[in-house]
Amino acid sequence: MSTFLYLECLDHTPGIIAEGESGQHLSDLTQIRLDIANREQIVKAWEADDFHPADHFHRNTVCFLSAHPSCDLAIVDEYGREHSTHLDAWASVSATRSSTSGGRTSRRTPWRICARPSGTSSARL
């Protein structure tokens, strides 16, 4: 079953949620958690134009991480359920935060911009 996963920056009020999905299934949580854990290296490579994610979901994750390199992040699914960002997590956080009926929360601000830092190429996005 499909469950779209999004990154959310918790260092803003209201939180800023990624417009693009970071995954489509709960099985994608491991890769998202790895990316968060390796955020510093990923952001450096992205900014140096040395990293080119091959798929839509990974590209969305890298873009959001680049825009929020040191922020506190959450992983939220399309139903408003929050999932742990820790690599050793075996279960999702059971609490739903401010969810609306069946969709992403309305109190969160969508984040839509994905661009490389000025002076670098974005042709391979």
N, C-alpha and C. Protein backbone atom coordinates (compact mmCIF):
# COMPACT_ATOMS: atom_id res chain seq x y z
N MET A 1 0.83 -1.18 0.00
CA MET A 1 0.00 0.00 0.00
C MET A 1 0.88 1.25 0.00
N SER A 2 0.49 2.22 -0.75
CA SER A 2 1.24 3.46 -0.88
C SER A 2 0.98 4.39 0.30
N THR A 3 2.04 4.93 0.87
CA THR A 3 1.96 5.92 1.95
C THR A 3 3.05 6.95 1.69
N PHE A 4 2.68 8.07 1.12
CA PHE A 4 3.68 9.08 0.80
C PHE A 4 4.28 9.65 2.08
N LEU A 5 5.60 9.86 2.04
CA LEU A 5 6.36 10.36 3.18
C LEU A 5 6.99 11.70 2.83
N TYR A 6 6.93 12.63 3.78
CA TYR A 6 7.42 13.99 3.58
C TYR A 6 8.35 14.38 4.71
N LEU A 7 9.30 15.26 4.43
CA LEU A 7 10.13 15.84 5.47
C LEU A 7 9.47 17.12 5.96
N GLU A 8 9.64 17.39 7.24
CA GLU A 8 9.11 18.61 7.83
C GLU A 8 10.20 19.26 8.68
N CYS A 9 10.38 20.57 8.52
CA CYS A 9 11.31 21.32 9.35
C CYS A 9 10.55 21.81 10.57
N LEU A 10 11.01 21.42 11.75
CA LEU A 10 10.34 21.77 13.00
C LEU A 10 10.88 23.06 13.61
N ASP A 11 11.89 23.66 12.99
CA ASP A 11 12.49 24.88 13.53
C ASP A 11 11.73 26.14 13.12
N HIS A 12 10.57 25.99 12.56
CA HIS A 12 9.73 27.11 12.13
C HIS A 12 8.34 26.95 12.73
N THR A 13 7.64 28.06 12.92
CA THR A 13 6.27 28.02 13.41
C THR A 13 5.41 28.78 12.43
N PRO A 14 4.51 28.14 11.73
CA PRO A 14 4.28 26.70 11.75
C PRO A 14 5.41 25.95 11.05
N GLY A 15 5.44 24.65 11.24
CA GLY A 15 6.45 23.82 10.59
C GLY A 15 6.37 23.94 9.08
N ILE A 16 7.50 23.78 8.43
CA ILE A 16 7.55 23.84 6.96
C ILE A 16 7.64 22.41 6.46
N ILE A 17 6.66 22.01 5.68
CA ILE A 17 6.63 20.65 5.16
C ILE A 17 7.01 20.66 3.68
N ALA A 18 7.78 19.68 3.28
CA ALA A 18 8.21 19.58 1.89
C ALA A 18 7.00 19.37 0.98
N GLU A 19 7.00 20.04 -0.13
CA GLU A 19 5.94 19.85 -1.12
C GLU A 19 6.11 18.51 -1.84
N GLY A 20 7.37 18.11 -2.06
CA GLY A 20 7.65 16.86 -2.76
C GLY A 20 7.87 15.72 -1.79
N GLU A 21 7.44 14.55 -2.18
CA GLU A 21 7.55 13.35 -1.35
C GLU A 21 8.99 12.87 -1.26
N SER A 22 9.36 12.35 -0.09
CA SER A 22 10.68 11.73 0.09
C SER A 22 10.60 10.22 -0.06
N GLY A 23 9.41 9.68 -0.09
CA GLY A 23 9.21 8.25 -0.26
C GLY A 23 7.75 7.96 -0.52
N GLN A 24 7.49 6.74 -0.98
CA GLN A 24 6.13 6.34 -1.32
C GLN A 24 5.62 5.19 -0.44
N HIS A 25 6.53 4.53 0.24
CA HIS A 25 6.17 3.37 1.07
C HIS A 25 6.92 3.46 2.40
N LEU A 26 6.38 2.82 3.41
CA LEU A 26 7.06 2.80 4.71
C LEU A 26 8.44 2.16 4.60
N SER A 27 8.63 1.30 3.62
CA SER A 27 9.95 0.70 3.42
C SER A 27 11.00 1.73 3.00
N ASP A 28 10.57 2.91 2.56
CA ASP A 28 11.49 3.98 2.19
C ASP A 28 12.04 4.73 3.40
N LEU A 29 11.49 4.47 4.58
CA LEU A 29 11.94 5.16 5.79
C LEU A 29 13.43 4.96 6.05
N THR A 30 13.95 3.77 5.78
CA THR A 30 15.37 3.50 6.04
C THR A 30 16.26 4.43 5.23
N GLN A 31 15.97 4.60 3.93
CA GLN A 31 16.77 5.49 3.09
C GLN A 31 16.65 6.94 3.54
N ILE A 32 15.45 7.35 3.90
CA ILE A 32 15.24 8.73 4.36
C ILE A 32 16.04 8.96 5.65
N ARG A 33 15.99 8.00 6.55
CA ARG A 33 16.74 8.11 7.81
C ARG A 33 18.25 8.15 7.56
N LEU A 34 18.72 7.34 6.61
CA LEU A 34 20.15 7.37 6.25
C LEU A 34 20.54 8.74 5.71
N ASP A 35 19.69 9.30 4.87
CA ASP A 35 19.98 10.63 4.32
C ASP A 35 20.03 11.68 5.42
N ILE A 36 19.12 11.61 6.37
CA ILE A 36 19.13 12.57 7.49
C ILE A 36 20.39 12.38 8.32
N ALA A 37 20.76 11.14 8.58
CA ALA A 37 21.96 10.85 9.38
C ALA A 37 23.23 11.32 8.68
N ASN A 38 23.24 11.30 7.35
CA ASN A 38 24.41 11.71 6.57
C ASN A 38 24.20 13.08 5.92
N ARG A 39 23.35 13.85 6.50
CA ARG A 39 22.95 15.14 5.93
C ARG A 39 24.14 16.05 5.62
N GLU A 40 25.09 16.14 6.51
CA GLU A 40 26.22 17.05 6.30
C GLU A 40 26.98 16.71 5.02
N GLN A 41 27.29 15.44 4.82
CA GLN A 41 28.03 15.02 3.62
C GLN A 41 27.17 15.20 2.37
N ILE A 42 25.90 14.89 2.46
CA ILE A 42 25.00 15.02 1.31
C ILE A 42 24.88 16.47 0.89
N VAL A 43 24.69 17.36 1.85
CA VAL A 43 24.55 18.79 1.54
C VAL A 43 25.83 19.34 0.93
N LYS A 44 26.99 18.97 1.47
CA LYS A 44 28.27 19.43 0.90
C LYS A 44 28.41 18.97 -0.55
N ALA A 45 28.10 17.72 -0.81
CA ALA A 45 28.22 17.19 -2.17
C ALA A 45 27.21 17.87 -3.10
N TRP A 46 26.00 18.09 -2.62
CA TRP A 46 24.96 18.75 -3.42
C TRP A 46 25.39 20.17 -3.78
N GLU A 47 25.89 20.91 -2.79
CA GLU A 47 26.31 22.28 -3.02
C GLU A 47 27.53 22.37 -3.94
N ALA A 48 28.37 21.34 -3.94
CA ALA A 48 29.54 21.30 -4.82
C ALA A 48 29.20 20.75 -6.20
N ASP A 49 27.93 20.44 -6.42
CA ASP A 49 27.45 19.86 -7.68
C ASP A 49 28.10 18.51 -7.96
N ASP A 50 28.40 17.76 -6.88
CA ASP A 50 29.01 16.44 -6.99
C ASP A 50 28.04 15.31 -6.67
N PHE A 51 26.78 15.64 -6.49
CA PHE A 51 25.80 14.63 -6.09
C PHE A 51 24.55 14.83 -6.92
N HIS A 52 24.12 13.77 -7.59
CA HIS A 52 22.99 13.85 -8.49
C HIS A 52 22.04 12.68 -8.22
N PRO A 53 21.07 12.88 -7.33
CA PRO A 53 20.13 11.80 -7.01
C PRO A 53 19.45 11.26 -8.28
N ALA A 54 19.33 9.97 -8.33
CA ALA A 54 18.82 9.32 -9.54
C ALA A 54 17.29 9.31 -9.63
N ASP A 55 16.60 9.37 -8.49
CA ASP A 55 15.15 9.28 -8.56
C ASP A 55 14.46 10.48 -7.92
N HIS A 56 13.22 10.63 -8.24
CA HIS A 56 12.37 11.73 -7.80
C HIS A 56 12.36 11.88 -6.28
N PHE A 57 12.15 10.80 -5.56
CA PHE A 57 12.03 10.86 -4.11
C PHE A 57 13.34 11.27 -3.44
N HIS A 58 14.43 10.69 -3.90
CA HIS A 58 15.74 11.01 -3.31
C HIS A 58 16.11 12.46 -3.61
N ARG A 59 15.81 12.91 -4.81
CA ARG A 59 16.08 14.31 -5.18
C ARG A 59 15.29 15.25 -4.27
N ASN A 60 14.03 14.94 -4.00
CA ASN A 60 13.23 15.78 -3.10
C ASN A 60 13.84 15.83 -1.71
N THR A 61 14.31 14.69 -1.23
CA THR A 61 14.94 14.63 0.10
C THR A 61 16.19 15.49 0.14
N VAL A 62 17.06 15.34 -0.85
CA VAL A 62 18.31 16.08 -0.88
C VAL A 62 18.06 17.58 -0.98
N CYS A 63 17.11 17.98 -1.79
CA CYS A 63 16.78 19.41 -1.92
C CYS A 63 16.33 19.99 -0.58
N PHE A 64 15.46 19.26 0.12
CA PHE A 64 14.95 19.75 1.40
C PHE A 64 16.07 19.79 2.44
N LEU A 65 16.91 18.76 2.47
CA LEU A 65 18.03 18.75 3.41
C LEU A 65 18.99 19.91 3.14
N SER A 66 19.19 20.23 1.88
CA SER A 66 20.07 21.33 1.52
C SER A 66 19.53 22.67 2.01
N ALA A 67 18.23 22.82 1.97
CA ALA A 67 17.60 24.06 2.42
C ALA A 67 17.50 24.14 3.94
N HIS A 68 17.61 22.99 4.62
CA HIS A 68 17.48 22.92 6.08
C HIS A 68 18.64 22.09 6.65
N PRO A 69 19.89 22.55 6.44
CA PRO A 69 21.05 21.72 6.77
C PRO A 69 21.27 21.42 8.25
N SER A 70 20.74 22.25 9.12
CA SER A 70 20.97 22.00 10.56
C SER A 70 19.68 22.05 11.37
N CYS A 71 18.56 22.06 10.70
CA CYS A 71 17.27 22.15 11.38
C CYS A 71 16.84 20.81 11.97
N ASP A 72 15.98 20.89 12.96
CA ASP A 72 15.35 19.70 13.52
C ASP A 72 14.27 19.25 12.55
N LEU A 73 14.34 17.99 12.12
CA LEU A 73 13.42 17.49 11.10
C LEU A 73 12.52 16.39 11.63
N ALA A 74 11.40 16.23 10.95
CA ALA A 74 10.49 15.12 11.21
C ALA A 74 10.16 14.47 9.87
N ILE A 75 9.74 13.22 9.94
CA ILE A 75 9.21 12.52 8.77
C ILE A 75 7.73 12.33 9.04
N VAL A 76 6.91 12.83 8.12
CA VAL A 76 5.46 12.77 8.29
C VAL A 76 4.85 12.10 7.07
N ASP A 77 3.87 11.23 7.29
CA ASP A 77 3.22 10.61 6.14
C ASP A 77 2.00 11.43 5.72
N GLU A 78 1.40 11.02 4.62
CA GLU A 78 0.28 11.77 4.05
C GLU A 78 -0.94 11.81 4.96
N TYR A 79 -0.97 10.98 5.99
CA TYR A 79 -2.10 10.95 6.92
C TYR A 79 -1.82 11.75 8.19
N GLY A 80 -0.65 12.42 8.24
CA GLY A 80 -0.31 13.24 9.39
C GLY A 80 0.42 12.50 10.50
N ARG A 81 0.72 11.21 10.28
CA ARG A 81 1.45 10.44 11.30
C ARG A 81 2.93 10.75 11.19
N GLU A 82 3.55 10.96 12.34
CA GLU A 82 4.98 11.25 12.39
C GLU A 82 5.75 9.95 12.60
N HIS A 83 6.87 9.80 11.88
CA HIS A 83 7.73 8.63 11.96
C HIS A 83 9.10 9.05 12.48
N SER A 84 9.73 8.20 13.22
CA SER A 84 11.04 8.50 13.79
C SER A 84 12.06 8.79 12.71
N THR A 85 12.97 9.72 13.01
CA THR A 85 14.07 10.02 12.08
C THR A 85 15.33 9.23 12.43
N HIS A 86 15.29 8.45 13.49
CA HIS A 86 16.48 7.72 13.94
C HIS A 86 16.65 6.41 13.18
N LEU A 87 17.89 6.10 12.83
CA LEU A 87 18.19 4.90 12.07
C LEU A 87 17.79 3.62 12.79
N ASP A 88 17.87 3.62 14.11
CA ASP A 88 17.57 2.41 14.86
C ASP A 88 16.09 2.27 15.21
N ALA A 89 15.27 3.15 14.68
CA ALA A 89 13.84 3.09 14.98
C ALA A 89 13.21 1.88 14.31
N TRP A 90 12.43 1.14 15.03
CA TRP A 90 11.76 -0.03 14.46
C TRP A 90 10.27 0.22 14.30
N ALA A 91 9.78 1.30 14.91
CA ALA A 91 8.35 1.59 14.81
C ALA A 91 8.14 3.08 14.65
N SER A 92 7.05 3.43 14.05
CA SER A 92 6.71 4.82 13.86
C SER A 92 6.16 5.41 15.14
N VAL A 93 6.28 6.71 15.25
CA VAL A 93 5.64 7.41 16.37
C VAL A 93 4.14 7.25 16.19
N SER A 94 3.46 6.81 17.22
CA SER A 94 2.04 6.51 17.07
C SER A 94 1.15 7.74 17.11
N ALA A 95 1.63 8.80 17.69
CA ALA A 95 0.79 9.99 17.81
C ALA A 95 0.68 10.71 16.47
N THR A 96 -0.49 11.17 16.16
CA THR A 96 -0.72 11.97 14.97
C THR A 96 -0.76 13.42 15.41
N ARG A 97 -0.01 14.25 14.70
CA ARG A 97 0.06 15.65 15.08
C ARG A 97 -0.83 16.49 14.18
N SER A 98 -1.83 17.12 14.76
CA SER A 98 -2.69 18.09 14.08
C SER A 98 -3.16 17.63 12.71
N SER A 99 -3.59 16.40 12.61
CA SER A 99 -4.01 15.92 11.29
C SER A 99 -5.43 16.35 10.98
N THR A 100 -5.69 16.48 9.70
CA THR A 100 -7.03 16.78 9.24
C THR A 100 -7.61 15.48 8.72
N SER A 101 -8.80 15.52 8.21
CA SER A 101 -9.45 14.28 7.78
C SER A 101 -8.80 13.70 6.54
N GLY A 102 -7.88 12.77 6.74
CA GLY A 102 -7.30 12.00 5.66
C GLY A 102 -6.18 12.64 4.87
N GLY A 103 -5.79 13.85 5.14
CA GLY A 103 -4.75 14.47 4.34
C GLY A 103 -3.65 15.05 5.19
N ARG A 104 -2.70 15.70 4.53
CA ARG A 104 -1.64 16.36 5.27
C ARG A 104 -2.22 17.51 6.06
N THR A 105 -1.55 17.94 7.07
CA THR A 105 -2.08 18.95 7.97
C THR A 105 -2.14 20.31 7.30
N SER A 106 -3.13 21.08 7.68
CA SER A 106 -3.30 22.39 7.09
C SER A 106 -2.49 23.45 7.83
N ARG A 107 -2.02 23.16 9.04
CA ARG A 107 -1.29 24.17 9.80
C ARG A 107 0.16 24.26 9.37
N ARG A 108 0.60 23.38 8.52
CA ARG A 108 1.98 23.37 8.06
C ARG A 108 2.11 24.19 6.79
N THR A 109 3.26 24.80 6.62
CA THR A 109 3.53 25.61 5.45
C THR A 109 4.25 24.76 4.41
N PRO A 110 3.73 24.69 3.18
CA PRO A 110 4.44 23.90 2.15
C PRO A 110 5.74 24.58 1.74
N TRP A 111 6.74 23.77 1.47
CA TRP A 111 8.03 24.25 1.01
C TRP A 111 8.17 23.81 -0.43
N ARG A 112 8.38 24.72 -1.36
CA ARG A 112 8.32 24.40 -2.77
C ARG A 112 9.61 24.62 -3.54
N ILE A 113 10.59 25.27 -2.98
CA ILE A 113 11.77 25.65 -3.75
C ILE A 113 12.86 24.59 -3.67
N CYS A 114 13.38 24.20 -4.80
CA CYS A 114 14.53 23.29 -4.84
C CYS A 114 15.49 23.82 -5.89
N ALA A 115 16.53 24.45 -5.42
CA ALA A 115 17.53 25.00 -6.34
C ALA A 115 18.90 24.84 -5.73
N ARG A 116 19.86 24.67 -6.57
CA ARG A 116 21.25 24.63 -6.10
C ARG A 116 21.66 26.04 -5.71
N PRO A 117 22.68 26.15 -4.87
CA PRO A 117 23.20 27.49 -4.53
C PRO A 117 23.59 28.24 -5.78
N SER A 118 23.54 29.55 -5.73
CA SER A 118 23.86 30.35 -6.91
C SER A 118 25.26 30.01 -7.42
N GLY A 119 25.38 30.01 -8.73
CA GLY A 119 26.68 29.73 -9.34
C GLY A 119 26.90 28.25 -9.68
N THR A 120 25.94 27.38 -9.31
CA THR A 120 26.11 25.97 -9.65
C THR A 120 25.01 25.56 -10.61
N SER A 121 25.21 24.50 -11.28
CA SER A 121 24.27 24.03 -12.30
C SER A 121 23.09 23.31 -11.66
N SER A 122 21.91 23.55 -12.23
CA SER A 122 20.74 22.81 -11.79
C SER A 122 20.18 21.98 -12.93
N ALA A 123 20.96 21.85 -14.00
CA ALA A 123 20.50 21.16 -15.18
C ALA A 123 20.24 19.68 -14.95
N ARG A 124 20.88 19.09 -13.95
CA ARG A 124 20.72 17.65 -13.72
C ARG A 124 19.69 17.35 -12.66
N LEU A 125 18.90 18.31 -12.26
CA LEU A 125 17.88 18.07 -11.25
C LEU A 125 16.91 17.13 -11.76
